[in-house]
């Protein structure tokens, strides 16, 4: 029986780290001595979050618009070239969408899959490649309870999270022999700006 070697993260990259779950996680990990890579779309928010985290520990900015496929191309390599090896990736970035299938557009659907799933899959692949060469690491995927029980009007959002759930389950098995751990979180409703920022294509509030 092989024994897994524990990797204690020193440097962590968190997507969607400027608000909500991502920001709270960044503060907690920074206070525990980890260096945090703050990845988000809006540079001003990234800069402000990094400044706040430096009250607790080390942090650095990573500006990237995950709605654009090209944003993740070579991103992991650039981050490590500038800041050193990253021991853990937290795929937290996500956007919401309310609307029945007749109310949402193709653009809405593709946007949600780009941010909520495709970017996470791309970053996870590149993280595994780097972590494998160093003997281990940790990937955390923030999914949603809606991955297990979709509600009317949230079908597109739930579909992205169900896909994230399936991906996480498979990834955990695929990388186990590489000493890479995969954790999935499936939170229910959380008091964050997520719902205020979600796109609403319906007549309901």
N, C-alpha and C. Protein backbone atom coordinates (compact mmCIF):
# COMPACT_ATOMS: atom_id res chain seq x y z
N UNK A 1 0.85 -1.20 0.00
CA UNK A 1 0.00 0.00 0.00
C UNK A 1 0.89 1.25 0.00
N UNK A 2 0.61 2.17 -0.92
CA UNK A 2 1.39 3.40 -0.98
C UNK A 2 0.90 4.37 0.09
N UNK A 3 1.81 5.15 0.64
CA UNK A 3 1.48 6.13 1.67
C UNK A 3 1.56 7.52 1.05
N UNK A 4 0.48 8.27 1.14
CA UNK A 4 0.46 9.61 0.56
C UNK A 4 1.27 10.57 1.42
N UNK A 5 2.13 11.34 0.76
CA UNK A 5 2.95 12.33 1.45
C UNK A 5 2.16 13.63 1.56
N UNK A 6 2.04 14.11 2.79
CA UNK A 6 1.25 15.32 3.04
C UNK A 6 1.97 16.55 2.50
N UNK A 7 1.28 17.32 1.67
CA UNK A 7 1.80 18.58 1.16
C UNK A 7 1.12 19.72 1.93
N UNK A 8 1.89 20.45 2.70
CA UNK A 8 1.35 21.61 3.42
C UNK A 8 1.49 22.83 2.51
N UNK A 9 0.38 23.39 2.04
CA UNK A 9 0.47 24.50 1.08
C UNK A 9 1.18 25.72 1.65
N UNK A 10 2.06 26.26 0.84
CA UNK A 10 2.69 27.54 1.20
C UNK A 10 2.12 28.66 0.33
N UNK A 11 1.85 28.34 -0.92
CA UNK A 11 1.36 29.34 -1.87
C UNK A 11 0.08 28.80 -2.51
N UNK A 12 -0.99 29.61 -2.49
CA UNK A 12 -2.32 29.18 -2.95
C UNK A 12 -2.86 30.18 -3.95
N UNK A 13 -3.38 29.68 -5.06
CA UNK A 13 -4.04 30.54 -6.05
C UNK A 13 -5.55 30.36 -5.91
N UNK A 14 -6.26 31.47 -5.69
CA UNK A 14 -7.71 31.42 -5.51
C UNK A 14 -8.38 32.24 -6.60
N UNK A 15 -9.26 31.62 -7.38
CA UNK A 15 -10.02 32.36 -8.38
C UNK A 15 -11.26 32.95 -7.73
N UNK A 16 -11.69 34.09 -8.24
CA UNK A 16 -12.84 34.75 -7.64
C UNK A 16 -12.57 35.14 -6.19
N UNK A 17 -11.37 35.66 -5.93
CA UNK A 17 -10.93 35.88 -4.55
C UNK A 17 -11.24 37.27 -4.03
N UNK A 18 -11.96 38.09 -4.80
CA UNK A 18 -12.19 39.47 -4.36
C UNK A 18 -13.51 39.66 -3.62
N UNK A 19 -14.32 38.61 -3.50
CA UNK A 19 -15.57 38.77 -2.75
C UNK A 19 -16.06 37.40 -2.28
N UNK A 20 -17.03 37.43 -1.39
CA UNK A 20 -17.72 36.22 -0.97
C UNK A 20 -16.83 35.14 -0.38
N UNK A 21 -17.12 33.91 -0.76
CA UNK A 21 -16.39 32.75 -0.26
C UNK A 21 -14.91 32.86 -0.57
N UNK A 22 -14.57 33.32 -1.77
CA UNK A 22 -13.18 33.42 -2.16
C UNK A 22 -12.40 34.40 -1.29
N UNK A 23 -12.98 35.54 -1.03
CA UNK A 23 -12.30 36.54 -0.21
C UNK A 23 -12.15 36.06 1.23
N UNK A 24 -13.20 35.47 1.78
CA UNK A 24 -13.13 34.96 3.16
C UNK A 24 -12.09 33.86 3.27
N UNK A 25 -12.02 33.00 2.27
CA UNK A 25 -11.03 31.93 2.27
C UNK A 25 -9.62 32.50 2.20
N UNK A 26 -9.45 33.50 1.34
CA UNK A 26 -8.14 34.14 1.20
C UNK A 26 -7.68 34.73 2.52
N UNK A 27 -8.57 35.41 3.24
CA UNK A 27 -8.20 36.01 4.52
C UNK A 27 -7.82 34.94 5.53
N UNK A 28 -8.59 33.86 5.55
CA UNK A 28 -8.30 32.80 6.52
C UNK A 28 -6.95 32.15 6.24
N UNK A 29 -6.69 31.82 4.98
CA UNK A 29 -5.43 31.15 4.65
C UNK A 29 -4.23 32.09 4.81
N UNK A 30 -4.42 33.37 4.49
CA UNK A 30 -3.33 34.32 4.68
C UNK A 30 -2.97 34.44 6.16
N UNK A 31 -3.99 34.42 7.00
CA UNK A 31 -3.74 34.54 8.44
C UNK A 31 -3.06 33.29 8.98
N UNK A 32 -3.13 32.19 8.24
CA UNK A 32 -2.47 30.96 8.66
C UNK A 32 -1.08 30.82 8.04
N UNK A 33 -0.60 31.89 7.39
CA UNK A 33 0.77 31.91 6.91
C UNK A 33 0.97 31.54 5.46
N UNK A 34 -0.12 31.39 4.70
CA UNK A 34 0.02 31.04 3.29
C UNK A 34 0.06 32.31 2.44
N UNK A 35 0.79 32.24 1.35
CA UNK A 35 0.85 33.35 0.40
C UNK A 35 -0.27 33.15 -0.61
N UNK A 36 -1.08 34.19 -0.82
CA UNK A 36 -2.30 34.06 -1.61
C UNK A 36 -2.18 34.77 -2.95
N UNK A 37 -2.47 34.05 -4.02
CA UNK A 37 -2.62 34.64 -5.33
C UNK A 37 -4.08 35.00 -5.53
N UNK A 38 -4.36 36.27 -5.68
CA UNK A 38 -5.74 36.77 -5.81
C UNK A 38 -6.07 36.91 -7.29
N UNK A 39 -6.88 36.00 -7.81
CA UNK A 39 -7.23 36.02 -9.23
C UNK A 39 -8.67 36.47 -9.39
N UNK A 40 -8.86 37.52 -10.17
CA UNK A 40 -10.21 38.01 -10.48
C UNK A 40 -10.12 38.90 -11.71
N UNK A 41 -11.29 39.35 -12.16
CA UNK A 41 -11.39 40.05 -13.45
C UNK A 41 -11.06 41.53 -13.37
N UNK A 42 -11.48 42.19 -12.30
CA UNK A 42 -11.39 43.66 -12.23
C UNK A 42 -10.13 44.06 -11.47
N UNK A 43 -9.15 44.67 -12.16
CA UNK A 43 -7.86 44.98 -11.53
C UNK A 43 -7.97 45.80 -10.25
N UNK A 44 -8.88 46.77 -10.21
CA UNK A 44 -9.00 47.61 -9.01
C UNK A 44 -9.43 46.78 -7.80
N UNK A 45 -10.34 45.83 -8.02
CA UNK A 45 -10.79 44.97 -6.92
C UNK A 45 -9.68 44.02 -6.49
N UNK A 46 -8.91 43.53 -7.46
CA UNK A 46 -7.79 42.65 -7.14
C UNK A 46 -6.77 43.41 -6.29
N UNK A 47 -6.44 44.62 -6.71
CA UNK A 47 -5.46 45.44 -5.98
C UNK A 47 -5.93 45.72 -4.56
N UNK A 48 -7.20 46.05 -4.41
CA UNK A 48 -7.76 46.36 -3.08
C UNK A 48 -7.74 45.12 -2.18
N UNK A 49 -8.06 43.97 -2.75
CA UNK A 49 -8.07 42.73 -1.97
C UNK A 49 -6.67 42.34 -1.53
N UNK A 50 -5.71 42.47 -2.44
CA UNK A 50 -4.31 42.16 -2.09
C UNK A 50 -3.84 43.06 -0.96
N UNK A 51 -4.16 44.35 -1.04
CA UNK A 51 -3.74 45.29 0.01
C UNK A 51 -4.34 44.88 1.35
N UNK A 52 -5.60 44.46 1.34
CA UNK A 52 -6.24 44.04 2.58
C UNK A 52 -5.63 42.76 3.14
N UNK A 53 -5.28 41.84 2.27
CA UNK A 53 -4.69 40.58 2.72
C UNK A 53 -3.31 40.77 3.32
N UNK A 54 -2.60 41.78 2.88
CA UNK A 54 -1.25 42.00 3.39
C UNK A 54 -1.24 42.42 4.86
N UNK A 55 -2.43 42.73 5.40
CA UNK A 55 -2.53 42.94 6.84
C UNK A 55 -2.42 41.62 7.59
N UNK A 56 -2.72 40.52 6.88
CA UNK A 56 -2.70 39.20 7.50
C UNK A 56 -1.45 38.41 7.11
N UNK A 57 -0.96 38.62 5.87
CA UNK A 57 0.18 37.86 5.38
C UNK A 57 0.55 38.30 3.98
N UNK A 58 1.12 37.39 3.22
CA UNK A 58 1.59 37.71 1.88
C UNK A 58 0.50 37.47 0.84
N UNK A 59 0.49 38.29 -0.22
CA UNK A 59 -0.48 38.14 -1.30
C UNK A 59 0.05 38.80 -2.55
N UNK A 60 -0.44 38.34 -3.70
CA UNK A 60 -0.04 38.96 -4.97
C UNK A 60 -1.22 38.93 -5.93
N UNK A 61 -1.27 39.89 -6.87
CA UNK A 61 -2.41 40.00 -7.78
C UNK A 61 -2.25 39.15 -9.04
N UNK A 62 -3.38 38.63 -9.53
CA UNK A 62 -3.43 37.94 -10.82
C UNK A 62 -4.70 38.41 -11.53
N UNK A 63 -4.55 39.31 -12.49
CA UNK A 63 -5.70 39.82 -13.24
C UNK A 63 -6.01 38.86 -14.39
N UNK A 64 -7.24 38.36 -14.43
CA UNK A 64 -7.63 37.47 -15.52
C UNK A 64 -9.14 37.44 -15.64
N UNK A 65 -9.64 37.57 -16.86
CA UNK A 65 -11.07 37.49 -17.14
C UNK A 65 -11.37 36.06 -17.58
N UNK A 66 -11.90 35.25 -16.67
CA UNK A 66 -12.10 33.83 -16.93
C UNK A 66 -13.24 33.56 -17.90
N UNK A 67 -13.96 34.60 -18.31
CA UNK A 67 -14.99 34.39 -19.33
C UNK A 67 -14.40 34.25 -20.72
N UNK A 68 -13.10 34.57 -20.83
CA UNK A 68 -12.41 34.48 -22.12
C UNK A 68 -11.47 33.26 -22.10
N UNK A 69 -11.67 32.31 -23.01
CA UNK A 69 -10.87 31.08 -23.00
C UNK A 69 -9.37 31.34 -23.04
N UNK A 70 -8.97 32.38 -23.75
CA UNK A 70 -7.53 32.64 -23.87
C UNK A 70 -6.91 33.12 -22.55
N UNK A 71 -7.74 33.51 -21.59
CA UNK A 71 -7.21 34.04 -20.33
C UNK A 71 -6.46 32.98 -19.53
N UNK A 72 -6.86 31.72 -19.67
CA UNK A 72 -6.20 30.67 -18.88
C UNK A 72 -5.01 30.05 -19.61
N UNK A 73 -4.83 30.36 -20.87
CA UNK A 73 -3.74 29.76 -21.64
C UNK A 73 -2.39 30.26 -21.13
N UNK A 74 -1.60 29.36 -20.58
CA UNK A 74 -0.29 29.73 -20.05
C UNK A 74 -0.34 30.48 -18.74
N UNK A 75 -1.53 30.66 -18.16
CA UNK A 75 -1.66 31.46 -16.94
C UNK A 75 -0.91 30.82 -15.77
N UNK A 76 -1.07 29.53 -15.59
CA UNK A 76 -0.42 28.85 -14.47
C UNK A 76 1.10 29.00 -14.55
N UNK A 77 1.62 28.81 -15.75
CA UNK A 77 3.07 28.92 -15.94
C UNK A 77 3.56 30.33 -15.65
N UNK A 78 2.79 31.34 -16.06
CA UNK A 78 3.19 32.73 -15.81
C UNK A 78 3.17 33.05 -14.32
N UNK A 79 2.16 32.56 -13.63
CA UNK A 79 2.08 32.82 -12.19
C UNK A 79 3.28 32.20 -11.47
N UNK A 80 3.61 30.97 -11.82
CA UNK A 80 4.73 30.32 -11.15
C UNK A 80 6.06 30.95 -11.53
N UNK A 81 6.17 31.43 -12.75
CA UNK A 81 7.41 32.09 -13.17
C UNK A 81 7.63 33.38 -12.38
N UNK A 82 6.56 34.08 -12.05
CA UNK A 82 6.67 35.35 -11.33
C UNK A 82 6.76 35.17 -9.82
N UNK A 83 6.04 34.17 -9.29
CA UNK A 83 5.87 34.10 -7.84
C UNK A 83 6.36 32.80 -7.21
N UNK A 84 6.75 31.83 -8.01
CA UNK A 84 7.22 30.57 -7.46
C UNK A 84 6.15 29.49 -7.50
N UNK A 85 6.50 28.27 -7.09
CA UNK A 85 5.58 27.14 -7.16
C UNK A 85 4.29 27.38 -6.38
N UNK A 86 3.17 27.00 -6.97
CA UNK A 86 1.87 27.11 -6.31
C UNK A 86 1.48 25.72 -5.84
N UNK A 87 1.21 25.60 -4.54
CA UNK A 87 0.95 24.29 -3.95
C UNK A 87 -0.52 23.90 -3.98
N UNK A 88 -1.41 24.89 -4.08
CA UNK A 88 -2.84 24.59 -4.06
C UNK A 88 -3.59 25.56 -4.97
N UNK A 89 -4.61 25.02 -5.62
CA UNK A 89 -5.50 25.80 -6.47
C UNK A 89 -6.91 25.69 -5.91
N UNK A 90 -7.56 26.84 -5.71
CA UNK A 90 -8.96 26.85 -5.29
C UNK A 90 -9.78 27.46 -6.42
N UNK A 91 -10.53 26.61 -7.11
CA UNK A 91 -11.41 27.06 -8.21
C UNK A 91 -12.72 27.53 -7.61
N UNK A 92 -12.77 28.81 -7.29
CA UNK A 92 -13.94 29.38 -6.61
C UNK A 92 -14.75 30.31 -7.51
N UNK A 93 -14.16 30.85 -8.56
CA UNK A 93 -14.87 31.83 -9.39
C UNK A 93 -16.16 31.24 -9.95
N UNK A 94 -17.20 32.04 -9.91
CA UNK A 94 -18.47 31.57 -10.45
C UNK A 94 -19.45 32.73 -10.59
N UNK A 95 -20.37 32.60 -11.54
CA UNK A 95 -21.42 33.60 -11.72
C UNK A 95 -22.76 32.88 -11.79
N UNK A 96 -23.81 33.60 -11.38
CA UNK A 96 -25.14 33.02 -11.35
C UNK A 96 -26.01 33.52 -12.50
N UNK A 97 -27.08 32.80 -12.73
CA UNK A 97 -28.03 33.17 -13.78
C UNK A 97 -29.40 32.64 -13.41
N UNK A 98 -30.38 33.54 -13.37
CA UNK A 98 -31.75 33.13 -13.15
C UNK A 98 -32.54 33.32 -14.43
N UNK A 99 -33.26 32.28 -14.81
CA UNK A 99 -34.08 32.35 -16.01
C UNK A 99 -34.44 30.96 -16.50
N UNK A 100 -35.68 30.80 -16.90
CA UNK A 100 -36.08 29.54 -17.51
C UNK A 100 -35.39 29.39 -18.86
N UNK A 101 -35.41 28.20 -19.41
CA UNK A 101 -34.67 27.94 -20.64
C UNK A 101 -35.13 28.83 -21.79
N UNK A 102 -36.40 29.24 -21.80
CA UNK A 102 -36.89 30.12 -22.85
C UNK A 102 -36.49 31.57 -22.63
N UNK A 103 -35.94 31.88 -21.45
CA UNK A 103 -35.59 33.26 -21.13
C UNK A 103 -34.10 33.55 -21.28
N UNK A 104 -33.27 32.51 -21.40
CA UNK A 104 -31.83 32.72 -21.46
C UNK A 104 -31.34 32.57 -22.90
N UNK A 105 -30.26 33.26 -23.20
CA UNK A 105 -29.70 33.23 -24.55
C UNK A 105 -28.54 32.26 -24.63
N UNK A 106 -28.11 31.97 -25.85
CA UNK A 106 -26.92 31.14 -26.04
C UNK A 106 -25.71 31.80 -25.39
N UNK A 107 -25.64 33.13 -25.48
CA UNK A 107 -24.51 33.84 -24.89
C UNK A 107 -24.49 33.68 -23.37
N UNK A 108 -25.67 33.72 -22.74
CA UNK A 108 -25.77 33.49 -21.31
C UNK A 108 -25.22 32.12 -20.94
N UNK A 109 -25.66 31.11 -21.68
CA UNK A 109 -25.28 29.73 -21.39
C UNK A 109 -23.77 29.55 -21.53
N UNK A 110 -23.24 30.05 -22.63
CA UNK A 110 -21.80 29.88 -22.87
C UNK A 110 -20.96 30.63 -21.84
N UNK A 111 -21.43 31.81 -21.42
CA UNK A 111 -20.70 32.58 -20.42
C UNK A 111 -20.60 31.81 -19.11
N UNK A 112 -21.72 31.23 -18.67
CA UNK A 112 -21.70 30.49 -17.41
C UNK A 112 -20.78 29.28 -17.48
N UNK A 113 -20.80 28.57 -18.58
CA UNK A 113 -19.93 27.40 -18.69
C UNK A 113 -18.46 27.81 -18.77
N UNK A 114 -18.16 28.93 -19.43
CA UNK A 114 -16.78 29.38 -19.50
C UNK A 114 -16.22 29.68 -18.11
N UNK A 115 -16.99 30.44 -17.31
CA UNK A 115 -16.49 30.87 -16.00
C UNK A 115 -16.60 29.76 -14.97
N UNK A 116 -17.75 29.11 -14.90
CA UNK A 116 -18.02 28.15 -13.83
C UNK A 116 -17.37 26.79 -14.03
N UNK A 117 -17.05 26.44 -15.28
CA UNK A 117 -16.53 25.10 -15.54
C UNK A 117 -15.25 25.07 -16.36
N UNK A 118 -15.29 25.64 -17.56
CA UNK A 118 -14.17 25.47 -18.48
C UNK A 118 -12.87 26.07 -17.92
N UNK A 119 -12.94 27.25 -17.31
CA UNK A 119 -11.74 27.86 -16.74
C UNK A 119 -11.17 26.99 -15.63
N UNK A 120 -12.05 26.43 -14.81
CA UNK A 120 -11.59 25.57 -13.71
C UNK A 120 -10.93 24.30 -14.24
N UNK A 121 -11.50 23.74 -15.29
CA UNK A 121 -10.92 22.53 -15.87
C UNK A 121 -9.54 22.82 -16.46
N UNK A 122 -9.42 23.94 -17.15
CA UNK A 122 -8.15 24.31 -17.77
C UNK A 122 -7.08 24.57 -16.72
N UNK A 123 -7.42 25.33 -15.68
CA UNK A 123 -6.46 25.60 -14.62
C UNK A 123 -6.09 24.33 -13.87
N UNK A 124 -7.06 23.46 -13.66
CA UNK A 124 -6.78 22.21 -12.96
C UNK A 124 -5.80 21.34 -13.74
N UNK A 125 -5.98 21.27 -15.04
CA UNK A 125 -5.07 20.49 -15.87
C UNK A 125 -3.64 21.02 -15.77
N UNK A 126 -3.49 22.34 -15.86
CA UNK A 126 -2.15 22.92 -15.79
C UNK A 126 -1.57 22.79 -14.39
N UNK A 127 -2.43 22.88 -13.37
CA UNK A 127 -1.95 22.71 -12.01
C UNK A 127 -1.45 21.28 -11.79
N UNK A 128 -2.20 20.30 -12.29
CA UNK A 128 -1.79 18.90 -12.15
C UNK A 128 -0.44 18.67 -12.81
N UNK A 129 -0.26 19.24 -13.97
CA UNK A 129 1.01 19.07 -14.69
C UNK A 129 2.18 19.57 -13.84
N UNK A 130 2.01 20.74 -13.21
CA UNK A 130 3.08 21.30 -12.39
C UNK A 130 3.24 20.55 -11.07
N UNK A 131 2.12 20.24 -10.42
CA UNK A 131 2.17 19.54 -9.14
C UNK A 131 2.76 18.15 -9.27
N UNK A 132 2.47 17.49 -10.35
CA UNK A 132 3.00 16.14 -10.59
C UNK A 132 4.52 16.16 -10.61
N UNK A 133 5.10 17.19 -11.22
CA UNK A 133 6.55 17.27 -11.31
C UNK A 133 7.20 17.54 -9.95
N UNK A 134 6.40 18.07 -9.00
CA UNK A 134 6.95 18.38 -7.67
C UNK A 134 6.54 17.38 -6.61
N UNK A 135 5.74 16.40 -7.00
CA UNK A 135 5.41 15.34 -6.06
C UNK A 135 4.14 15.52 -5.26
N UNK A 136 3.27 16.45 -5.66
CA UNK A 136 2.00 16.57 -4.97
C UNK A 136 1.44 17.97 -4.95
N UNK A 137 0.21 18.08 -4.43
CA UNK A 137 -0.47 19.36 -4.34
C UNK A 137 -1.92 19.15 -3.95
N UNK A 138 -2.71 20.20 -4.06
CA UNK A 138 -4.12 20.13 -3.64
C UNK A 138 -4.95 21.02 -4.54
N UNK A 139 -6.07 20.50 -5.01
CA UNK A 139 -7.04 21.26 -5.81
C UNK A 139 -8.37 21.25 -5.08
N UNK A 140 -8.96 22.43 -4.91
CA UNK A 140 -10.27 22.56 -4.28
C UNK A 140 -11.24 23.15 -5.30
N UNK A 141 -12.33 22.45 -5.56
CA UNK A 141 -13.36 22.95 -6.49
C UNK A 141 -14.60 23.34 -5.70
N UNK A 142 -15.02 24.58 -5.85
CA UNK A 142 -16.22 25.06 -5.19
C UNK A 142 -17.40 24.86 -6.14
N UNK A 143 -18.20 23.87 -5.85
CA UNK A 143 -19.38 23.57 -6.66
C UNK A 143 -20.59 24.21 -5.97
N UNK A 144 -21.68 23.49 -5.85
CA UNK A 144 -22.89 24.04 -5.25
C UNK A 144 -23.84 22.90 -4.93
N UNK A 145 -24.68 23.11 -3.94
CA UNK A 145 -25.71 22.12 -3.64
C UNK A 145 -26.63 21.92 -4.83
N UNK A 146 -26.72 22.93 -5.70
CA UNK A 146 -27.58 22.80 -6.88
C UNK A 146 -27.04 21.78 -7.87
N UNK A 147 -25.77 21.37 -7.69
CA UNK A 147 -25.23 20.30 -8.52
C UNK A 147 -25.96 18.99 -8.28
N UNK A 148 -26.52 18.84 -7.08
CA UNK A 148 -27.21 17.62 -6.71
C UNK A 148 -28.74 17.76 -6.80
N UNK A 149 -29.23 18.99 -6.77
CA UNK A 149 -30.68 19.20 -6.85
C UNK A 149 -30.94 20.55 -7.51
N UNK A 150 -31.22 20.50 -8.80
CA UNK A 150 -31.47 21.72 -9.56
C UNK A 150 -32.88 22.23 -9.30
N UNK A 151 -33.01 23.56 -9.32
CA UNK A 151 -34.31 24.20 -9.11
C UNK A 151 -34.76 24.90 -10.38
N UNK A 152 -36.07 25.01 -10.61
CA UNK A 152 -36.56 25.72 -11.79
C UNK A 152 -36.04 27.15 -11.82
N UNK A 153 -35.66 27.60 -12.99
CA UNK A 153 -35.12 28.95 -13.15
C UNK A 153 -33.63 29.02 -12.93
N UNK A 154 -33.05 27.93 -12.43
CA UNK A 154 -31.61 27.89 -12.20
C UNK A 154 -30.98 26.72 -12.96
N UNK A 155 -31.64 26.29 -14.01
CA UNK A 155 -31.18 25.10 -14.73
C UNK A 155 -29.80 25.23 -15.34
N UNK A 156 -29.49 26.38 -15.93
CA UNK A 156 -28.18 26.56 -16.56
C UNK A 156 -27.09 26.59 -15.49
N UNK A 157 -27.31 27.37 -14.43
CA UNK A 157 -26.33 27.45 -13.34
C UNK A 157 -26.11 26.06 -12.74
N UNK A 158 -27.20 25.35 -12.45
CA UNK A 158 -27.09 24.02 -11.85
C UNK A 158 -26.36 23.06 -12.78
N UNK A 159 -26.54 23.21 -14.07
CA UNK A 159 -25.86 22.33 -15.03
C UNK A 159 -24.35 22.54 -14.98
N UNK A 160 -23.92 23.80 -14.84
CA UNK A 160 -22.47 24.03 -14.74
C UNK A 160 -21.91 23.42 -13.47
N UNK A 161 -22.66 23.47 -12.39
CA UNK A 161 -22.18 22.93 -11.12
C UNK A 161 -22.26 21.40 -11.09
N UNK A 162 -23.26 20.84 -11.76
CA UNK A 162 -23.33 19.38 -11.86
C UNK A 162 -22.14 18.85 -12.66
N UNK A 163 -21.77 19.59 -13.70
CA UNK A 163 -20.59 19.21 -14.47
C UNK A 163 -19.32 19.34 -13.63
N UNK A 164 -19.24 20.39 -12.82
CA UNK A 164 -18.10 20.55 -11.92
C UNK A 164 -18.03 19.39 -10.93
N UNK A 165 -19.18 18.96 -10.44
CA UNK A 165 -19.23 17.82 -9.51
C UNK A 165 -18.69 16.56 -10.18
N UNK A 166 -19.15 16.28 -11.39
CA UNK A 166 -18.69 15.09 -12.11
C UNK A 166 -17.19 15.17 -12.39
N UNK A 167 -16.74 16.35 -12.80
CA UNK A 167 -15.32 16.53 -13.07
C UNK A 167 -14.48 16.29 -11.81
N UNK A 168 -14.94 16.83 -10.69
CA UNK A 168 -14.20 16.67 -9.43
C UNK A 168 -14.10 15.21 -9.02
N UNK A 169 -15.20 14.48 -9.17
CA UNK A 169 -15.19 13.07 -8.80
C UNK A 169 -14.18 12.28 -9.64
N UNK A 170 -14.16 12.54 -10.94
CA UNK A 170 -13.21 11.84 -11.81
C UNK A 170 -11.78 12.28 -11.55
N UNK A 171 -11.59 13.60 -11.38
CA UNK A 171 -10.24 14.12 -11.18
C UNK A 171 -9.61 13.54 -9.91
N UNK A 172 -10.40 13.40 -8.85
CA UNK A 172 -9.87 12.87 -7.59
C UNK A 172 -9.23 11.50 -7.81
N UNK A 173 -9.88 10.67 -8.59
CA UNK A 173 -9.35 9.33 -8.85
C UNK A 173 -8.15 9.38 -9.78
N UNK A 174 -8.22 10.24 -10.80
CA UNK A 174 -7.15 10.31 -11.79
C UNK A 174 -5.82 10.73 -11.19
N UNK A 175 -5.84 11.62 -10.20
CA UNK A 175 -4.58 12.18 -9.69
C UNK A 175 -4.18 11.62 -8.34
N UNK A 176 -4.93 10.67 -7.81
CA UNK A 176 -4.62 10.14 -6.48
C UNK A 176 -3.22 9.55 -6.43
N UNK A 177 -2.82 8.84 -7.48
CA UNK A 177 -1.50 8.22 -7.49
C UNK A 177 -0.38 9.23 -7.62
N UNK A 178 -0.71 10.49 -7.93
CA UNK A 178 0.29 11.54 -8.08
C UNK A 178 0.48 12.34 -6.79
N UNK A 179 -0.17 11.88 -5.71
CA UNK A 179 -0.11 12.58 -4.43
C UNK A 179 -0.76 13.96 -4.50
N UNK A 180 -1.77 14.08 -5.38
CA UNK A 180 -2.54 15.33 -5.49
C UNK A 180 -3.93 15.07 -4.94
N UNK A 181 -4.33 15.86 -3.96
CA UNK A 181 -5.65 15.73 -3.35
C UNK A 181 -6.65 16.62 -4.08
N UNK A 182 -7.88 16.15 -4.17
CA UNK A 182 -8.96 16.94 -4.76
C UNK A 182 -10.11 17.01 -3.76
N UNK A 183 -10.49 18.21 -3.41
CA UNK A 183 -11.61 18.44 -2.49
C UNK A 183 -12.69 19.19 -3.24
N UNK A 184 -13.94 18.81 -3.00
CA UNK A 184 -15.07 19.52 -3.60
C UNK A 184 -15.97 20.04 -2.50
N UNK A 185 -16.38 21.30 -2.64
CA UNK A 185 -17.33 21.90 -1.71
C UNK A 185 -18.65 22.11 -2.44
N UNK A 186 -19.76 21.80 -1.78
CA UNK A 186 -21.08 21.98 -2.37
C UNK A 186 -21.96 22.81 -1.42
N UNK A 187 -21.66 24.10 -1.28
CA UNK A 187 -22.41 24.94 -0.34
C UNK A 187 -23.83 25.21 -0.80
N UNK A 188 -24.70 25.45 0.16
CA UNK A 188 -26.05 25.93 -0.13
C UNK A 188 -25.98 27.46 -0.20
N UNK A 189 -27.09 28.13 -0.04
CA UNK A 189 -27.10 29.59 -0.13
C UNK A 189 -26.21 30.18 0.96
N UNK A 190 -25.35 31.12 0.55
CA UNK A 190 -24.41 31.77 1.46
C UNK A 190 -24.64 33.28 1.36
N UNK A 191 -24.54 33.96 2.49
CA UNK A 191 -24.78 35.41 2.51
C UNK A 191 -23.56 36.13 1.95
N UNK A 192 -23.53 36.30 0.64
CA UNK A 192 -22.45 36.98 -0.07
C UNK A 192 -23.08 37.84 -1.16
N UNK A 193 -22.29 38.64 -1.88
CA UNK A 193 -22.85 39.43 -3.00
C UNK A 193 -23.21 38.60 -4.22
N UNK A 194 -23.07 37.27 -4.15
CA UNK A 194 -23.29 36.42 -5.32
C UNK A 194 -24.66 36.66 -5.96
N UNK A 195 -25.71 36.67 -5.14
CA UNK A 195 -27.06 36.81 -5.70
C UNK A 195 -27.31 38.22 -6.23
N UNK A 196 -26.69 39.22 -5.61
CA UNK A 196 -26.82 40.58 -6.13
C UNK A 196 -26.18 40.71 -7.50
N UNK A 197 -25.11 39.98 -7.72
CA UNK A 197 -24.36 40.08 -8.97
C UNK A 197 -24.87 39.13 -10.05
N UNK A 198 -25.71 38.18 -9.68
CA UNK A 198 -26.19 37.18 -10.65
C UNK A 198 -27.04 37.85 -11.74
N UNK A 199 -26.95 37.34 -12.94
CA UNK A 199 -27.77 37.83 -14.04
C UNK A 199 -29.18 37.30 -13.90
N UNK A 200 -30.15 38.17 -14.16
CA UNK A 200 -31.55 37.78 -14.03
C UNK A 200 -32.26 38.03 -15.35
N UNK A 201 -32.69 36.95 -15.98
CA UNK A 201 -33.39 37.06 -17.26
C UNK A 201 -34.90 36.82 -17.11
N UNK A 202 -35.36 36.71 -15.88
CA UNK A 202 -36.77 36.44 -15.65
C UNK A 202 -37.46 37.68 -15.11
N UNK A 203 -38.79 37.59 -14.95
CA UNK A 203 -39.56 38.70 -14.36
C UNK A 203 -39.57 38.62 -12.84
N UNK A 204 -38.97 37.57 -12.29
CA UNK A 204 -38.95 37.39 -10.83
C UNK A 204 -37.76 38.11 -10.23
N UNK A 205 -37.89 38.49 -8.97
CA UNK A 205 -36.78 39.16 -8.28
C UNK A 205 -35.72 38.12 -7.95
